[in-house]
């Protein structure tokens, strides 16, 4: 009878140990899975915050360009050249804002968005040089033709900014909690 009791005790101990081991392994994988999901959720939320900041930077840059466009239309010649140089700082502010947006896109690993923003940055810088050097140094007669060229460049810039906005939308749809 004593042998049977020891067998029962050992059998019960093995069953309890196996049950505890299975429960422990299950709890480990469940906790790990939940933690992975929480980490992905946090990453997703951080990327959304960064995307929101990118959108704000793009809009800020567009606002600077619109302000420049508006102020440039009010320039009274012949003192307009000096005003053009002053207003060109708005274009540079737009460029700086777009550079920050591009850096944020790199930060979250969005290559296509960053490339689209890089294109806008290049055009903004070209436009800045155009308005701060070429346009500001032109005479009264040349200025009217230059303003038409500046208007065309602004149109192109606005189209480029819209492409960047669309790329933000595509990026938003790409990131998700996986």
Foldseek 3Di string as FASTA:
>chain_A
DVVVVVVVVVVVVVVVVVVVVVVVVVVVVVVVVVVLLVVLVVLLVVLVVLLVLLVVLLVQLVVLLVVLLVQLVPQDPDVNLVVLLVSLVSLVSSLVSLVVSLVSCVVSPNVVLNVLSVVLSVLSVVLSCCRNPVLSPDGPVVNVVSVVVSVVSSVVSVVSSVVSVVSSVVVNVVRDRD
